[in-house]
């Protein structure tokens, strides 16, 4: 086949497909397919795309997820003020006792548990894993201090928090 014969065959195929209207090639009319713009009268294609934020991407862009707040709801790894106050009142000597070893260990244990759950969902997040190891080391030092200075308090806290040792 020569180049001109190939070109003629291509033009013939294009002309044949243009001769058959698209509506006859489609078995179901667009108005019956749910989610298609034609199925919802009164809305333009632009309004449909913007409302659904579906622009042909598998995942929405970071900006689209940021607008909805979905990214930051899961990533939030800090303790709220109320959660900290509850831990302090449970483990501290008074409501303002934030520096005792028992309170520090309880706060660190809560952060460690939340970070562990985060790493189960995101196993390749190595920066968070490094932070987790630092928190575990800090808690380990607090536990060693508490074991040296208050053995009964240490045993009670270990049992209450469910820590292995």
N, C-alpha and C. Protein backbone atom coordinates (compact mmCIF):
# COMPACT_ATOMS: atom_id res chain seq x y z
N UNK A 1 0.84 -1.19 0.00
CA UNK A 1 0.00 0.00 0.00
C UNK A 1 0.88 1.23 0.00
N UNK A 2 0.48 2.16 -0.80
CA UNK A 2 1.24 3.40 -0.86
C UNK A 2 0.68 4.38 0.15
N UNK A 3 1.42 5.46 0.30
CA UNK A 3 1.01 6.49 1.26
C UNK A 3 -0.32 7.10 0.85
N UNK A 4 -0.50 7.30 -0.44
CA UNK A 4 -1.75 7.91 -0.90
C UNK A 4 -2.93 6.96 -0.69
N UNK A 5 -2.71 5.64 -0.84
CA UNK A 5 -3.78 4.68 -0.62
C UNK A 5 -4.16 4.64 0.86
N UNK A 6 -3.17 4.71 1.73
CA UNK A 6 -3.44 4.74 3.17
C UNK A 6 -4.21 5.99 3.54
N UNK A 7 -3.81 7.10 2.96
CA UNK A 7 -4.48 8.36 3.23
C UNK A 7 -5.93 8.32 2.74
N UNK A 8 -6.16 7.74 1.57
CA UNK A 8 -7.52 7.63 1.03
C UNK A 8 -8.38 6.73 1.92
N UNK A 9 -7.82 5.63 2.42
CA UNK A 9 -8.57 4.72 3.29
C UNK A 9 -8.93 5.42 4.60
N UNK A 10 -8.01 6.20 5.12
CA UNK A 10 -8.27 6.94 6.35
C UNK A 10 -9.37 7.96 6.16
N UNK A 11 -9.33 8.67 5.04
CA UNK A 11 -10.36 9.66 4.75
C UNK A 11 -11.72 9.00 4.55
N UNK A 12 -11.74 7.83 3.94
CA UNK A 12 -13.00 7.12 3.72
C UNK A 12 -13.60 6.67 5.05
N UNK A 13 -12.76 6.20 5.97
CA UNK A 13 -13.24 5.77 7.28
C UNK A 13 -13.78 6.96 8.07
N UNK A 14 -13.11 8.09 7.97
CA UNK A 14 -13.57 9.30 8.65
C UNK A 14 -14.91 9.75 8.09
N UNK A 15 -15.06 9.71 6.80
CA UNK A 15 -16.32 10.12 6.16
C UNK A 15 -17.44 9.16 6.54
N UNK A 16 -17.15 7.87 6.64
CA UNK A 16 -18.18 6.89 7.00
C UNK A 16 -18.65 7.09 8.43
N UNK A 17 -17.72 7.38 9.34
CA UNK A 17 -18.13 7.58 10.73
C UNK A 17 -18.87 8.89 10.91
N UNK A 18 -18.56 9.88 10.09
CA UNK A 18 -19.26 11.15 10.18
C UNK A 18 -20.66 11.05 9.59
N UNK A 19 -20.87 10.10 8.69
CA UNK A 19 -22.18 9.94 8.07
C UNK A 19 -23.19 9.37 9.06
N UNK A 20 -22.72 8.56 10.02
CA UNK A 20 -23.63 7.98 11.02
C UNK A 20 -23.67 8.92 12.21
N UNK A 21 -24.84 9.45 12.57
CA UNK A 21 -24.90 10.38 13.70
C UNK A 21 -24.60 9.65 15.01
N UNK A 22 -24.00 10.34 16.01
CA UNK A 22 -23.63 9.69 17.28
C UNK A 22 -24.83 9.13 18.01
N UNK A 23 -25.99 9.76 17.87
CA UNK A 23 -27.16 9.29 18.61
C UNK A 23 -27.57 7.89 18.18
N UNK A 24 -27.31 7.51 16.93
CA UNK A 24 -27.69 6.16 16.49
C UNK A 24 -26.69 5.12 16.95
N UNK A 25 -25.45 5.54 17.29
CA UNK A 25 -24.44 4.59 17.78
C UNK A 25 -24.58 4.32 19.27
N UNK A 26 -25.26 5.20 20.00
CA UNK A 26 -25.41 5.06 21.45
C UNK A 26 -26.70 4.31 21.72
N UNK A 27 -26.62 3.26 22.54
CA UNK A 27 -27.80 2.44 22.79
C UNK A 27 -28.74 3.08 23.81
N UNK A 28 -28.21 3.82 24.78
CA UNK A 28 -29.02 4.44 25.83
C UNK A 28 -28.92 5.95 25.67
N UNK A 29 -30.05 6.64 25.67
CA UNK A 29 -29.97 8.10 25.58
C UNK A 29 -29.31 8.69 26.82
N UNK A 30 -28.62 9.80 26.65
CA UNK A 30 -27.89 10.42 27.76
C UNK A 30 -28.83 10.88 28.86
N UNK A 31 -30.07 11.16 28.55
CA UNK A 31 -31.00 11.66 29.57
C UNK A 31 -31.37 10.58 30.58
N UNK A 32 -31.15 9.30 30.26
CA UNK A 32 -31.49 8.23 31.20
C UNK A 32 -30.32 7.83 32.08
N UNK A 33 -29.14 8.29 31.80
CA UNK A 33 -27.97 7.93 32.58
C UNK A 33 -27.85 8.89 33.75
N UNK A 34 -27.90 8.34 34.98
CA UNK A 34 -27.83 9.19 36.17
C UNK A 34 -26.46 9.84 36.26
N UNK A 35 -26.45 11.08 36.63
CA UNK A 35 -25.20 11.80 36.80
C UNK A 35 -24.76 12.57 35.58
N UNK A 36 -25.37 12.29 34.42
CA UNK A 36 -25.03 13.04 33.22
C UNK A 36 -25.75 14.37 33.26
N UNK A 37 -25.15 15.40 32.71
CA UNK A 37 -25.78 16.72 32.74
C UNK A 37 -27.15 16.74 32.09
N UNK A 38 -27.36 15.92 31.07
CA UNK A 38 -28.66 15.90 30.40
C UNK A 38 -29.73 15.30 31.29
N UNK A 39 -29.34 14.49 32.28
CA UNK A 39 -30.32 13.86 33.16
C UNK A 39 -30.89 14.84 34.16
N UNK A 40 -30.19 15.94 34.41
CA UNK A 40 -30.68 16.93 35.37
C UNK A 40 -30.95 18.23 34.62
N UNK A 41 -32.20 18.46 34.25
CA UNK A 41 -32.50 19.66 33.47
C UNK A 41 -32.30 20.92 34.30
N UNK A 42 -31.97 22.00 33.61
CA UNK A 42 -31.83 23.28 34.29
C UNK A 42 -30.42 23.57 34.76
N UNK A 43 -29.51 22.63 34.63
CA UNK A 43 -28.13 22.85 35.06
C UNK A 43 -27.22 22.71 33.87
N UNK A 44 -26.27 23.56 33.78
CA UNK A 44 -25.33 23.48 32.66
C UNK A 44 -24.23 22.49 33.00
N UNK A 45 -23.45 22.15 32.02
CA UNK A 45 -22.34 21.21 32.21
C UNK A 45 -21.31 21.79 33.18
N UNK A 46 -21.09 23.09 33.12
CA UNK A 46 -20.12 23.73 34.01
C UNK A 46 -20.60 23.65 35.45
N UNK A 47 -21.89 23.91 35.67
CA UNK A 47 -22.43 23.84 37.03
C UNK A 47 -22.34 22.42 37.57
N UNK A 48 -22.57 21.44 36.72
CA UNK A 48 -22.49 20.05 37.15
C UNK A 48 -21.06 19.69 37.53
N UNK A 49 -20.10 20.09 36.72
CA UNK A 49 -18.71 19.75 37.01
C UNK A 49 -18.21 20.46 38.26
N UNK A 50 -18.57 21.72 38.44
CA UNK A 50 -18.10 22.46 39.60
C UNK A 50 -18.75 21.93 40.86
N UNK A 51 -20.04 21.61 40.80
CA UNK A 51 -20.74 21.13 41.99
C UNK A 51 -20.17 19.79 42.45
N UNK A 52 -19.87 18.90 41.52
CA UNK A 52 -19.34 17.61 41.88
C UNK A 52 -17.83 17.60 42.02
N UNK A 53 -17.17 18.64 41.57
CA UNK A 53 -15.71 18.75 41.58
C UNK A 53 -15.08 17.55 40.90
N UNK A 54 -15.74 17.02 39.89
CA UNK A 54 -15.21 15.88 39.16
C UNK A 54 -14.76 16.37 37.80
N UNK A 55 -13.50 16.59 37.65
CA UNK A 55 -12.97 17.10 36.40
C UNK A 55 -12.16 16.03 35.68
N UNK A 56 -12.54 14.77 35.87
CA UNK A 56 -11.87 13.69 35.19
C UNK A 56 -10.64 13.19 35.92
N UNK A 57 -10.39 13.67 37.12
CA UNK A 57 -9.24 13.21 37.88
C UNK A 57 -9.66 12.07 38.79
N UNK A 58 -8.74 11.18 39.05
CA UNK A 58 -9.06 10.08 39.96
C UNK A 58 -9.27 10.59 41.36
N UNK A 59 -8.39 11.47 41.80
CA UNK A 59 -8.50 12.06 43.13
C UNK A 59 -8.64 13.56 42.97
N UNK A 60 -9.37 14.21 43.86
CA UNK A 60 -9.43 15.66 43.76
C UNK A 60 -8.07 16.26 44.10
N UNK A 61 -7.82 17.43 43.60
CA UNK A 61 -6.55 18.08 43.85
C UNK A 61 -6.41 18.40 45.33
N UNK A 62 -5.20 18.73 45.75
CA UNK A 62 -4.98 19.06 47.15
C UNK A 62 -5.82 20.26 47.55
N UNK A 63 -5.94 21.23 46.65
CA UNK A 63 -6.73 22.42 46.97
C UNK A 63 -8.19 22.06 47.17
N UNK A 64 -8.71 21.14 46.38
CA UNK A 64 -10.11 20.74 46.53
C UNK A 64 -10.31 20.01 47.85
N UNK A 65 -9.36 19.15 48.23
CA UNK A 65 -9.49 18.46 49.51
C UNK A 65 -9.31 19.44 50.65
N UNK A 66 -8.45 20.43 50.48
CA UNK A 66 -8.22 21.41 51.52
C UNK A 66 -9.48 22.23 51.77
N UNK A 67 -10.21 22.55 50.68
CA UNK A 67 -11.44 23.32 50.83
C UNK A 67 -12.44 22.57 51.69
N UNK A 68 -12.51 21.28 51.53
CA UNK A 68 -13.48 20.50 52.28
C UNK A 68 -13.00 20.18 53.68
N UNK A 69 -11.72 20.37 53.96
CA UNK A 69 -11.19 20.10 55.29
C UNK A 69 -10.94 18.63 55.56
N UNK A 70 -11.09 17.77 54.55
CA UNK A 70 -10.94 16.34 54.76
C UNK A 70 -9.49 15.98 55.10
N UNK A 71 -8.55 16.70 54.54
CA UNK A 71 -7.14 16.40 54.78
C UNK A 71 -6.79 16.66 56.23
N UNK A 72 -7.22 17.77 56.75
CA UNK A 72 -6.80 18.18 58.07
C UNK A 72 -7.57 17.51 59.19
N UNK A 73 -8.71 16.91 58.92
CA UNK A 73 -9.42 16.19 59.96
C UNK A 73 -8.66 14.93 60.35
N UNK A 74 -8.07 14.26 59.39
CA UNK A 74 -7.36 13.03 59.70
C UNK A 74 -5.95 13.30 60.19
N UNK A 75 -5.30 14.31 59.69
CA UNK A 75 -3.91 14.57 59.99
C UNK A 75 -3.73 15.20 61.37
N UNK A 76 -4.78 15.74 61.93
CA UNK A 76 -4.70 16.43 63.21
C UNK A 76 -4.20 15.47 64.29
N UNK A 77 -2.94 15.60 64.70
CA UNK A 77 -2.34 14.68 65.65
C UNK A 77 -2.11 15.32 67.02
N UNK A 78 -2.47 16.57 67.18
CA UNK A 78 -2.26 17.22 68.46
C UNK A 78 -3.46 16.98 69.36
N UNK A 79 -3.22 17.02 70.65
CA UNK A 79 -4.30 16.85 71.61
C UNK A 79 -5.04 18.17 71.78
N UNK A 80 -6.34 18.09 71.91
CA UNK A 80 -7.11 19.31 72.17
C UNK A 80 -6.92 19.73 73.62
N UNK A 81 -7.27 20.95 73.90
CA UNK A 81 -7.11 21.48 75.25
C UNK A 81 -7.96 20.68 76.25
N UNK A 82 -9.16 20.28 75.81
CA UNK A 82 -10.05 19.52 76.69
C UNK A 82 -9.49 18.14 76.99
N UNK A 83 -8.91 17.50 75.97
CA UNK A 83 -8.33 16.17 76.17
C UNK A 83 -7.13 16.23 77.11
N UNK A 84 -6.31 17.27 76.95
CA UNK A 84 -5.17 17.43 77.85
C UNK A 84 -5.63 17.67 79.28
N UNK A 85 -6.65 18.51 79.44
CA UNK A 85 -7.16 18.82 80.78
C UNK A 85 -7.73 17.57 81.44
N UNK A 86 -8.38 16.73 80.67
CA UNK A 86 -8.93 15.48 81.21
C UNK A 86 -7.81 14.56 81.68
N UNK A 87 -6.75 14.45 80.91
CA UNK A 87 -5.61 13.60 81.29
C UNK A 87 -4.92 14.16 82.53
N UNK A 88 -4.77 15.49 82.56
CA UNK A 88 -4.12 16.12 83.72
C UNK A 88 -4.94 15.90 84.98
N UNK A 89 -6.27 16.06 84.89
CA UNK A 89 -7.10 15.87 86.08
C UNK A 89 -7.12 14.41 86.52
N UNK A 90 -6.96 13.49 85.59
CA UNK A 90 -6.98 12.07 85.93
C UNK A 90 -5.68 11.61 86.57
N UNK A 91 -4.54 12.08 86.07
CA UNK A 91 -3.24 11.58 86.52
C UNK A 91 -2.47 12.55 87.41
N UNK A 92 -2.85 13.81 87.43
CA UNK A 92 -2.09 14.79 88.21
C UNK A 92 -2.55 14.87 89.65
N UNK A 93 -1.74 15.54 90.46
CA UNK A 93 -2.09 15.74 91.86
C UNK A 93 -3.16 16.81 92.02
N UNK A 94 -3.16 17.79 91.09
CA UNK A 94 -4.17 18.84 91.10
C UNK A 94 -4.49 19.19 89.65
N UNK A 95 -5.40 20.16 89.46
CA UNK A 95 -5.80 20.56 88.11
C UNK A 95 -4.66 21.29 87.38
N UNK A 96 -3.75 21.88 88.14
CA UNK A 96 -2.66 22.64 87.52
C UNK A 96 -1.35 21.86 87.48
N UNK A 97 -1.38 20.59 87.87
CA UNK A 97 -0.17 19.76 87.89
C UNK A 97 0.09 19.23 86.48
N UNK A 98 0.89 19.97 85.72
CA UNK A 98 1.18 19.56 84.35
C UNK A 98 2.59 19.00 84.20
N UNK A 99 3.41 19.12 85.22
CA UNK A 99 4.81 18.76 85.08
C UNK A 99 5.21 17.47 85.74
N UNK A 100 4.32 16.83 86.50
CA UNK A 100 4.72 15.60 87.18
C UNK A 100 4.95 14.49 86.15
N UNK A 101 5.76 13.53 86.54
CA UNK A 101 6.13 12.46 85.61
C UNK A 101 4.90 11.65 85.18
N UNK A 102 3.95 11.43 86.10
CA UNK A 102 2.76 10.66 85.74
C UNK A 102 1.96 11.35 84.64
N UNK A 103 1.79 12.66 84.76
CA UNK A 103 1.04 13.42 83.75
C UNK A 103 1.79 13.41 82.42
N UNK A 104 3.09 13.63 82.48
CA UNK A 104 3.88 13.65 81.25
C UNK A 104 3.82 12.30 80.53
N UNK A 105 3.91 11.22 81.30
CA UNK A 105 3.85 9.88 80.70
C UNK A 105 2.48 9.63 80.08
N UNK A 106 1.42 10.05 80.77
CA UNK A 106 0.06 9.84 80.24
C UNK A 106 -0.15 10.65 78.96
N UNK A 107 0.33 11.90 78.94
CA UNK A 107 0.19 12.72 77.73
C UNK A 107 0.99 12.13 76.57
N UNK A 108 2.21 11.70 76.86
CA UNK A 108 3.03 11.09 75.81
C UNK A 108 2.41 9.79 75.30
N UNK A 109 1.82 9.00 76.20
CA UNK A 109 1.20 7.75 75.78
C UNK A 109 0.03 8.01 74.84
N UNK A 110 -0.75 9.05 75.12
CA UNK A 110 -1.87 9.39 74.24
C UNK A 110 -1.36 9.80 72.87
N UNK A 111 -0.34 10.65 72.84
CA UNK A 111 0.23 11.07 71.55
C UNK A 111 0.83 9.90 70.80
N UNK A 112 1.50 9.00 71.51
CA UNK A 112 2.11 7.83 70.88
C UNK A 112 1.04 6.93 70.27
N UNK A 113 -0.07 6.74 70.97
CA UNK A 113 -1.15 5.90 70.44
C UNK A 113 -1.76 6.51 69.19
N UNK A 114 -1.97 7.83 69.18
CA UNK A 114 -2.53 8.49 68.00
C UNK A 114 -1.56 8.42 66.82
N UNK A 115 -0.28 8.61 67.10
CA UNK A 115 0.71 8.57 66.03
C UNK A 115 0.88 7.15 65.48
N UNK A 116 0.71 6.15 66.35
CA UNK A 116 0.77 4.76 65.90
C UNK A 116 -0.37 4.46 64.94
N UNK A 117 -1.57 4.96 65.25
CA UNK A 117 -2.71 4.78 64.35
C UNK A 117 -2.47 5.48 63.01
N UNK A 118 -1.88 6.67 63.07
CA UNK A 118 -1.56 7.40 61.84
C UNK A 118 -0.60 6.59 60.97
N UNK A 119 0.40 5.98 61.61
CA UNK A 119 1.39 5.22 60.85
C UNK A 119 0.84 3.91 60.31
N UNK A 120 -0.21 3.38 60.92
CA UNK A 120 -0.86 2.20 60.35
C UNK A 120 -1.55 2.57 59.04
N UNK A 121 -2.11 3.78 59.00
CA UNK A 121 -2.78 4.23 57.78
C UNK A 121 -1.78 4.72 56.74
N UNK A 122 -0.64 5.25 57.20
CA UNK A 122 0.37 5.81 56.29
C UNK A 122 1.73 5.19 56.60
N UNK A 123 1.98 3.97 56.15
CA UNK A 123 3.20 3.28 56.54
C UNK A 123 4.48 3.88 55.98
N UNK A 124 4.40 4.71 54.96
CA UNK A 124 5.62 5.29 54.36
C UNK A 124 5.94 6.67 54.90
N UNK A 125 5.25 7.11 55.93
CA UNK A 125 5.49 8.43 56.51
C UNK A 125 6.65 8.32 57.49
N UNK A 126 7.86 8.39 56.97
CA UNK A 126 9.05 8.15 57.79
C UNK A 126 9.35 9.31 58.73
N UNK A 127 8.96 10.51 58.39
CA UNK A 127 9.19 11.64 59.29
C UNK A 127 8.35 11.49 60.55
N UNK A 128 7.12 11.05 60.41
CA UNK A 128 6.29 10.82 61.58
C UNK A 128 6.81 9.64 62.39
N UNK A 129 7.37 8.65 61.70
CA UNK A 129 7.93 7.50 62.41
C UNK A 129 9.11 7.94 63.28
N UNK A 130 9.91 8.86 62.77
CA UNK A 130 11.03 9.38 63.56
C UNK A 130 10.51 10.12 64.78
N UNK A 131 9.46 10.91 64.59
CA UNK A 131 8.85 11.61 65.73
C UNK A 131 8.29 10.64 66.75
N UNK A 132 7.71 9.54 66.27
CA UNK A 132 7.19 8.52 67.19
C UNK A 132 8.31 7.92 68.02
N UNK A 133 9.43 7.62 67.38
CA UNK A 133 10.55 7.04 68.12
C UNK A 133 11.10 8.01 69.16
N UNK A 134 11.10 9.30 68.83
CA UNK A 134 11.55 10.29 69.81
C UNK A 134 10.60 10.35 71.00
N UNK A 135 9.28 10.28 70.73
CA UNK A 135 8.30 10.31 71.81
C UNK A 135 8.43 9.07 72.69
N UNK A 136 8.65 7.91 72.08
CA UNK A 136 8.79 6.68 72.84
C UNK A 136 10.03 6.76 73.73
N UNK A 137 11.12 7.31 73.21
CA UNK A 137 12.33 7.46 74.01
C UNK A 137 12.13 8.42 75.17
N UNK A 138 11.40 9.50 74.93
CA UNK A 138 11.13 10.46 76.01
C UNK A 138 10.27 9.81 77.09
N UNK A 139 9.25 9.05 76.67
CA UNK A 139 8.40 8.35 77.65
C UNK A 139 9.21 7.33 78.42
N UNK A 140 10.13 6.63 77.72
CA UNK A 140 10.98 5.64 78.38
C UNK A 140 11.82 6.29 79.49
N UNK A 141 12.36 7.48 79.21
CA UNK A 141 13.16 8.18 80.23
C UNK A 141 12.31 8.60 81.41
N UNK A 142 11.09 9.08 81.16
CA UNK A 142 10.18 9.43 82.25
C UNK A 142 9.83 8.20 83.08
N UNK A 143 9.60 7.06 82.41
CA UNK A 143 9.28 5.84 83.14
C UNK A 143 10.46 5.37 83.99
N UNK A 144 11.68 5.49 83.47
CA UNK A 144 12.86 5.13 84.27
C UNK A 144 12.98 6.02 85.49
N UNK A 145 12.75 7.31 85.33
CA UNK A 145 12.79 8.25 86.45
C UNK A 145 11.75 7.88 87.50
N UNK A 146 10.51 7.60 87.02
CA UNK A 146 9.44 7.27 87.95
C UNK A 146 9.72 5.95 88.66
N UNK A 147 10.31 5.00 87.97
CA UNK A 147 10.63 3.71 88.59
C UNK A 147 11.69 3.87 89.68
N UNK A 148 12.66 4.74 89.45
CA UNK A 148 13.69 4.99 90.46
C UNK A 148 13.14 5.69 91.69
N UNK A 149 12.24 6.66 91.48
CA UNK A 149 11.82 7.53 92.58
C UNK A 149 10.49 7.16 93.23
N UNK A 150 9.59 6.49 92.52
CA UNK A 150 8.27 6.15 93.08
C UNK A 150 7.83 4.83 92.46
N UNK A 151 8.28 3.72 93.05
CA UNK A 151 8.03 2.41 92.46
C UNK A 151 6.55 2.05 92.44
N UNK A 152 5.84 2.37 93.52
CA UNK A 152 4.40 2.05 93.56
C UNK A 152 3.62 2.89 92.55
N UNK A 153 3.96 4.15 92.43
CA UNK A 153 3.32 5.01 91.43
C UNK A 153 3.61 4.52 90.01
N UNK A 154 4.84 4.04 89.82
CA UNK A 154 5.23 3.50 88.52
C UNK A 154 4.39 2.28 88.15
N UNK A 155 4.26 1.35 89.11
CA UNK A 155 3.49 0.13 88.84
C UNK A 155 2.02 0.44 88.59
N UNK A 156 1.47 1.38 89.36
CA UNK A 156 0.07 1.76 89.16
C UNK A 156 -0.16 2.40 87.80
N UNK A 157 0.77 3.27 87.40
CA UNK A 157 0.62 3.96 86.11
C UNK A 157 0.77 2.99 84.94
N UNK A 158 1.70 2.06 85.06
CA UNK A 158 1.90 1.05 84.01
C UNK A 158 0.62 0.23 83.83
N UNK A 159 0.03 -0.16 84.95
CA UNK A 159 -1.19 -0.96 84.89
C UNK A 159 -2.34 -0.14 84.33
N UNK A 160 -2.45 1.11 84.75
CA UNK A 160 -3.56 1.97 84.32
C UNK A 160 -3.48 2.30 82.83
N UNK A 161 -2.27 2.56 82.34
CA UNK A 161 -2.11 2.91 80.92
C UNK A 161 -2.00 1.69 80.02
N UNK A 162 -1.81 0.52 80.63
CA UNK A 162 -1.70 -0.70 79.82
C UNK A 162 -0.39 -0.81 79.08
N UNK A 163 0.69 -0.30 79.67
CA UNK A 163 2.00 -0.36 79.03
C UNK A 163 2.69 -1.67 79.40
N UNK A 164 3.40 -2.24 78.45
CA UNK A 164 4.16 -3.46 78.72
C UNK A 164 5.50 -3.06 79.32
N UNK A 165 5.96 -3.82 80.28
CA UNK A 165 7.32 -3.61 80.78
C UNK A 165 7.65 -4.70 81.74
